[in-house]
C-alpha atoms as a PDB file:
ATOM      1  CA  MET A   1      98.944  85.961 141.538  1.00  0.00           C
ATOM      2  CA  ARG A   2      99.245  82.421 142.819  1.00  0.00           C
ATOM      3  CA  GLY A   3      98.408  79.508 140.546  1.00  0.00           C
ATOM      4  CA  LEU A   4      94.996  77.872 140.699  1.00  0.00           C
ATOM      5  CA  SER A   5      94.872  75.075 143.246  1.00  0.00           C
ATOM      6  CA  ILE A   6      92.409  73.599 145.698  1.00  0.00           C
ATOM      7  CA  ALA A   7      94.248  75.418 148.524  1.00  0.00           C
ATOM      8  CA  ASN A   8      93.596  78.901 147.158  1.00  0.00           C
ATOM      9  CA  LEU A   9      90.184  78.237 145.571  1.00  0.00           C
ATOM     10  CA  PRO A  10      88.237  79.731 148.528  1.00  0.00           C
ATOM     11  CA  SER A  11      90.221  82.970 148.246  1.00  0.00           C
ATOM     12  CA  LEU A  12      89.626  83.106 144.509  1.00  0.00           C
ATOM     13  CA  LEU A  13      85.897  82.487 144.939  1.00  0.00           C
ATOM     14  CA  LEU A  14      85.699  85.135 147.655  1.00  0.00           C
ATOM     15  CA  TYR A  15      87.562  87.561 145.415  1.00  0.00           C
ATOM     16  CA  CYS A  16      85.159  86.973 142.510  1.00  0.00           C
ATOM     17  CA  SER A  17      82.108  87.156 144.781  1.00  0.00           C
ATOM     18  CA  MET A  18      83.280  90.377 146.439  1.00  0.00           C
ATOM     19  CA  LYS A  19      83.893  92.053 143.085  1.00  0.00           C
ATOM     20  CA  LYS A  20      80.448  91.032 141.805  1.00  0.00           C
ATOM     21  CA  ILE A  21      78.648  92.104 144.982  1.00  0.00           C
ATOM     22  CA  PHE A  22      80.630  95.342 145.119  1.00  0.00           C
ATOM     23  CA  PHE A  23      79.966  96.141 141.461  1.00  0.00           C
ATOM     24  CA  ALA A  24      76.279  95.224 141.674  1.00  0.00           C
ATOM     25  CA  GLY A  25      75.718  97.348 144.792  1.00  0.00           C
ATOM     26  CA  PHE A  26      77.312 100.462 143.413  1.00  0.00           C
ATOM     27  CA  THR A  27      75.742  99.955 140.013  1.00  0.00           C
ATOM     28  CA  MET A  28      72.375 100.086 141.767  1.00  0.00           C
ATOM     29  CA  VAL A  29      73.272 103.302 143.618  1.00  0.00           C
ATOM     30  CA  VAL A  30      74.663 104.974 140.531  1.00  0.00           C
ATOM     31  CA  GLY A  31      71.814 103.642 138.398  1.00  0.00           C
ATOM     32  CA  LEU A  32      69.285 105.169 140.767  1.00  0.00           C
ATOM     33  CA  ALA A  33      71.100 108.475 140.691  1.00  0.00           C
ATOM     34  CA  THR A  34      71.149 108.574 136.906  1.00  0.00           C
ATOM     35  CA  ALA A  35      67.542 107.554 136.336  1.00  0.00           C
ATOM     36  CA  VAL A  36      66.720 111.156 135.527  1.00  0.00           C
ATOM     37  CA  PHE A  37      65.084 110.143 132.274  1.00  0.00           C
ATOM     38  CA  ALA A  38      62.147 108.775 134.258  1.00  0.00           C
ATOM     39  CA  GLU A  39      61.804 112.235 135.861  1.00  0.00           C
ATOM     40  CA  GLU A  40      61.654 110.690 139.297  1.00  0.00           C
ATOM     41  CA  GLN A  41      61.560 112.822 142.390  1.00  0.00           C
ATOM     42  CA  HIS A  42      64.822 114.008 143.922  1.00  0.00           C
ATOM     43  CA  PRO A  43      66.212 113.447 146.472  1.00  0.00           C
ATOM     44  CA  ARG A  44      65.552 109.734 146.751  1.00  0.00           C
ATOM     45  CA  LEU A  45      68.861 108.188 147.868  1.00  0.00           C
ATOM     46  CA  PHE A  46      68.652 107.800 151.654  1.00  0.00           C
ATOM     47  CA  ILE A  47      66.629 111.030 151.974  1.00  0.00           C
ATOM     48  CA  THR A  48      62.960 111.106 151.051  1.00  0.00           C
ATOM     49  CA  PRO A  49      60.834 114.270 151.220  1.00  0.00           C
ATOM     50  CA  ALA A  50      59.207 112.948 154.413  1.00  0.00           C
ATOM     51  CA  ARG A  51      62.592 112.183 155.989  1.00  0.00           C
ATOM     52  CA  LEU A  52      63.892 115.585 154.897  1.00  0.00           C
ATOM     53  CA  ALA A  53      60.998 117.299 156.716  1.00  0.00           C
ATOM     54  CA  VAL A  54      61.933 115.414 159.905  1.00  0.00           C
ATOM     55  CA  ILE A  55      65.632 116.317 159.505  1.00  0.00           C
ATOM     56  CA  ARG A  56      64.774 119.999 159.068  1.00  0.00           C
ATOM     57  CA  GLN A  57      62.428 119.917 162.059  1.00  0.00           C
ATOM     58  CA  GLN A  58      65.053 118.251 164.263  1.00  0.00           C
ATOM     59  CA  ALA A  59      67.772 120.680 163.137  1.00  0.00           C
ATOM     60  CA  ALA A  60      65.543 123.599 164.093  1.00  0.00           C
ATOM     61  CA  VAL A  61      65.403 122.559 167.759  1.00  0.00           C
ATOM     62  CA  LYS A  62      67.671 124.982 169.599  1.00  0.00           C
ATOM     63  CA  GLY A  63      70.618 123.237 171.236  1.00  0.00           C
ATOM     64  CA  SER A  64      69.737 119.798 169.858  1.00  0.00           C
ATOM     65  CA  HIS A  65      72.499 117.508 168.686  1.00  0.00           C
ATOM     66  CA  HIS A  66      70.960 117.794 165.208  1.00  0.00           C
ATOM     67  CA  GLN A  67      71.431 121.555 165.238  1.00  0.00           C
ATOM     68  CA  LEU A  68      74.973 121.176 166.580  1.00  0.00           C
ATOM     69  CA  ALA A  69      75.874 118.629 163.886  1.00  0.00           C
ATOM     70  CA  LEU A  70      74.530 120.936 161.184  1.00  0.00           C
ATOM     71  CA  ALA A  71      76.532 123.850 162.641  1.00  0.00           C
ATOM     72  CA  GLN A  72      79.704 121.714 162.624  1.00  0.00           C
ATOM     73  CA  LEU A  73      79.081 120.783 158.993  1.00  0.00           C
ATOM     74  CA  GLN A  74      78.589 124.446 158.101  1.00  0.00           C
ATOM     75  CA  ALA A  75      81.854 125.297 159.892  1.00  0.00           C
ATOM     76  CA  ALA A  76      83.694 122.545 157.984  1.00  0.00           C
ATOM     77  CA  VAL A  77      82.374 123.907 154.691  1.00  0.00           C
ATOM     78  CA  ALA A  78      83.324 127.466 155.666  1.00  0.00           C
ATOM     79  CA  LYS A  79      86.854 126.246 156.416  1.00  0.00           C
ATOM     80  CA  THR A  80      86.912 124.613 152.970  1.00  0.00           C
ATOM     81  CA  GLU A  81      86.008 127.909 151.343  1.00  0.00           C
ATOM     82  CA  GLU A  82      89.090 129.419 152.970  1.00  0.00           C
ATOM     83  CA  GLY A  83      91.180 126.588 151.548  1.00  0.00           C
ATOM     84  CA  ASP A  84      92.269 123.744 153.773  1.00  0.00           C
ATOM     85  CA  GLY A  85      94.498 121.868 151.358  1.00  0.00           C
ATOM     86  CA  ASP A  86      92.021 119.012 150.943  1.00  0.00           C
ATOM     87  CA  GLU A  87      92.430 118.669 147.201  1.00  0.00           C
ATOM     88  CA  GLY A  88      93.709 115.066 147.327  1.00  0.00           C
ATOM     89  CA  LYS A  89      92.155 111.898 146.037  1.00  0.00           C
ATOM     90  CA  TYR A  90      89.160 111.803 148.389  1.00  0.00           C
ATOM     91  CA  GLY A  91      88.820 115.387 149.641  1.00  0.00           C
ATOM     92  CA  PRO A  92      86.688 116.698 146.778  1.00  0.00           C
ATOM     93  CA  GLY A  93      84.244 113.813 147.170  1.00  0.00           C
ATOM     94  CA  TYR A  94      83.900 114.414 150.886  1.00  0.00           C
ATOM     95  CA  LYS A  95      83.411 118.146 150.286  1.00  0.00           C
ATOM     96  CA  ALA A  96      80.805 117.525 147.577  1.00  0.00           C
ATOM     97  CA  VAL A  97      78.764 115.311 149.926  1.00  0.00           C
ATOM     98  CA  GLN A  98      79.078 117.825 152.792  1.00  0.00           C
ATOM     99  CA  LEU A  99      77.858 120.600 150.506  1.00  0.00           C
ATOM    100  CA  ALA A 100      75.105 118.363 149.094  1.00  0.00           C
ATOM    101  CA  THR A 101      73.935 117.657 152.643  1.00  0.00           C
ATOM    102  CA  LEU A 102      73.756 121.364 153.439  1.00  0.00           C
ATOM    103  CA  CYS A 103      72.039 122.049 150.123  1.00  0.00           C
ATOM    104  CA  VAL A 104      69.318 119.458 150.632  1.00  0.00           C
ATOM    105  CA  VAL A 105      68.669 120.563 154.235  1.00  0.00           C
ATOM    106  CA  ALA A 106      68.620 124.298 153.424  1.00  0.00           C
ATOM    107  CA  GLU A 107      65.226 125.820 152.758  1.00  0.00           C
ATOM    108  CA  ASP A 108      66.365 129.192 151.421  1.00  0.00           C
ATOM    109  CA  PRO A 109      66.819 129.014 147.611  1.00  0.00           C
ATOM    110  CA  ALA A 110      69.805 131.399 147.708  1.00  0.00           C
ATOM    111  CA  GLU A 111      71.510 129.239 150.319  1.00  0.00           C
ATOM    112  CA  GLN A 112      70.742 126.082 148.302  1.00  0.00           C
ATOM    113  CA  LYS A 113      72.264 127.650 145.189  1.00  0.00           C
ATOM    114  CA  LYS A 114      75.381 128.696 147.108  1.00  0.00           C
ATOM    115  CA  TYR A 115      75.953 125.125 148.329  1.00  0.00           C
ATOM    116  CA  ALA A 116      75.049 123.602 144.946  1.00  0.00           C
ATOM    117  CA  ASP A 117      77.486 125.825 143.062  1.00  0.00           C
ATOM    118  CA  ALA A 118      80.260 125.119 145.575  1.00  0.00           C
ATOM    119  CA  ALA A 119      79.684 121.343 145.278  1.00  0.00           C
ATOM    120  CA  TYR A 120      79.715 121.607 141.492  1.00  0.00           C
ATOM    121  CA  LYS A 121      83.047 123.443 141.643  1.00  0.00           C
ATOM    122  CA  TRP A 122      84.550 120.647 143.792  1.00  0.00           C
ATOM    123  CA  ILE A 123      83.187 117.930 141.498  1.00  0.00           C
ATOM    124  CA  ILE A 124      84.370 119.523 138.256  1.00  0.00           C
ATOM    125  CA  GLY A 125      87.787 120.264 139.761  1.00  0.00           C
ATOM    126  CA  TRP A 126      88.164 116.711 141.070  1.00  0.00           C
ATOM    127  CA  THR A 127      90.938 115.211 138.969  1.00  0.00           C
ATOM    128  CA  LYS A 128      92.865 112.942 141.362  1.00  0.00           C
ATOM    129  CA  THR A 129      90.454 110.041 141.704  1.00  0.00           C
ATOM    130  CA  GLY A 130      91.087 106.379 142.389  1.00  0.00           C
ATOM    131  CA  SER A 131      91.837 104.708 139.083  1.00  0.00           C
ATOM    132  CA  LYS A 132      91.375 100.987 139.568  1.00  0.00           C
ATOM    133  CA  THR A 133      91.366 100.815 143.337  1.00  0.00           C
ATOM    134  CA  LEU A 134      88.478 100.537 145.737  1.00  0.00           C
ATOM    135  CA  GLY A 135      88.758 104.333 146.085  1.00  0.00           C
ATOM    136  CA  LYS A 136      86.758 104.441 142.853  1.00  0.00           C
ATOM    137  CA  SER A 137      83.734 103.274 144.886  1.00  0.00           C
ATOM    138  CA  MET A 138      84.055 106.345 147.123  1.00  0.00           C
ATOM    139  CA  GLU A 139      84.095 108.501 144.012  1.00  0.00           C
ATOM    140  CA  ALA A 140      80.966 106.828 142.618  1.00  0.00           C
ATOM    141  CA  LYS A 141      79.147 107.112 145.952  1.00  0.00           C
ATOM    142  CA  SER A 142      80.049 110.783 146.402  1.00  0.00           C
ATOM    143  CA  LEU A 143      79.042 111.696 142.867  1.00  0.00           C
ATOM    144  CA  ALA A 144      75.763 109.754 143.066  1.00  0.00           C
ATOM    145  CA  LEU A 145      74.734 111.328 146.370  1.00  0.00           C
ATOM    146  CA  ALA A 146      75.671 114.856 145.296  1.00  0.00           C
ATOM    147  CA  TYR A 147      73.871 114.401 141.967  1.00  0.00           C
ATOM    148  CA  ASP A 148      70.687 113.150 143.604  1.00  0.00           C
ATOM    149  CA  TRP A 149      70.571 115.588 146.505  1.00  0.00           C
ATOM    150  CA  ILE A 150      71.455 118.696 144.481  1.00  0.00           C
ATOM    151  CA  TYR A 151      69.557 117.745 141.312  1.00  0.00           C
ATOM    152  CA  PRO A 152      66.633 120.177 141.845  1.00  0.00           C
ATOM    153  CA  VAL A 153      69.011 123.121 142.296  1.00  0.00           C
ATOM    154  CA  TRP A 154      71.542 122.535 139.511  1.00  0.00           C
ATOM    155  CA  THR A 155      71.009 123.802 135.988  1.00  0.00           C
ATOM    156  CA  GLU A 156      70.513 121.277 133.195  1.00  0.00           C
ATOM    157  CA  GLU A 157      74.096 121.917 132.057  1.00  0.00           C
ATOM    158  CA  GLN A 158      75.438 121.192 135.543  1.00  0.00           C
ATOM    159  CA  ARG A 159      73.320 118.031 135.765  1.00  0.00           C
ATOM    160  CA  THR A 160      74.571 116.853 132.391  1.00  0.00           C
ATOM    161  CA  ASN A 161      78.214 117.395 133.365  1.00  0.00           C
ATOM    162  CA  VAL A 162      77.853 115.639 136.724  1.00  0.00           C
ATOM    163  CA  ARG A 163      75.787 112.833 135.163  1.00  0.00           C
ATOM    164  CA  ALA A 164      78.699 112.181 132.785  1.00  0.00           C
ATOM    165  CA  ARG A 165      81.042 111.942 135.802  1.00  0.00           C
ATOM    166  CA  VAL A 166      78.639 109.542 137.548  1.00  0.00           C
ATOM    167  CA  ALA A 167      78.425 107.361 134.428  1.00  0.00           C
ATOM    168  CA  ALA A 168      82.216 107.280 134.052  1.00  0.00           C
ATOM    169  CA  ALA A 169      82.678 106.345 137.715  1.00  0.00           C
ATOM    170  CA  ALA A 170      80.038 103.603 137.413  1.00  0.00           C
ATOM    171  CA  ALA A 171      81.687 102.173 134.310  1.00  0.00           C
ATOM    172  CA  ALA A 172      85.056 102.152 136.067  1.00  0.00           C
ATOM    173  CA  LEU A 173      83.694 100.099 138.978  1.00  0.00           C
ATOM    174  CA  GLU A 174      83.874  96.950 136.874  1.00  0.00           C
ATOM    175  CA  GLN A 175      87.660  97.356 136.738  1.00  0.00           C
ATOM    176  CA  VAL A 176      88.113  97.863 140.496  1.00  0.00           C
ATOM    177  CA  THR A 177      90.971  95.894 142.014  1.00  0.00           C
ATOM    178  CA  HIS A 178      92.825  95.873 145.281  1.00  0.00           C
ATOM    179  CA  SER A 179      95.924  93.952 146.234  1.00  0.00           C
ATOM    180  CA  ASN A 180      94.146  92.426 149.235  1.00  0.00           C
ATOM    181  CA  LEU A 181      91.254  91.024 147.239  1.00  0.00           C
ATOM    182  CA  GLY A 182      91.832  87.342 146.635  1.00  0.00           C
ATOM    183  CA  GLY A 183      94.883  87.241 148.865  1.00  0.00           C
ATOM    184  CA  ASP A 184      95.411  86.181 152.436  1.00  0.00           C
ATOM    185  CA  ARG A 185      96.081  89.735 153.721  1.00  0.00           C
ATOM    186  CA  THR A 186      93.533  91.917 155.478  1.00  0.00           C
ATOM    187  CA  SER A 187      92.392  95.401 154.578  1.00  0.00           C
ATOM    188  CA  ASN A 188      89.883  97.972 155.737  1.00  0.00           C
ATOM    189  CA  PHE A 189      88.370  97.653 152.233  1.00  0.00           C
ATOM    190  CA  VAL A 190      87.641  93.919 152.450  1.00  0.00           C
END
């Protein structure tokens, strides 16, 4: 890291501001997802019960782009079940959110349980996560969304296990770093 001087003060201030904004934003998302003690309604992150009714209605329209998008998501999840080698750093998070989306949109309890159990399997098996990189934010986001959207379907034991993962990811956000933060390089993260 360069020494402190007037020339690099703007970069340092931007770095500190970005970390605080980043941490505060994801703390809010994760905090909302873990507010289970208040017994608030789920889902509530980006999908309300009223919005969910509209999504289901739109997906039921034969040939609509909503129905096609849902079919593509179902095909992607089916491919995952066959094993597509997406066990890397981000793959399990993406799969958990895909499965959470299908779970929250599904109306059949058996179908919801199938998607919820598959998402839980991806989350619990997710070991290669970003340690102190901005990839940790993707982990926190994926866990928070899956937790919130699948909450009504998971057992209390599953909720407890995923809640612990959400809390660990949230705590790790304070330590997030990236080589481009505070420097004069550019990144898709900054």
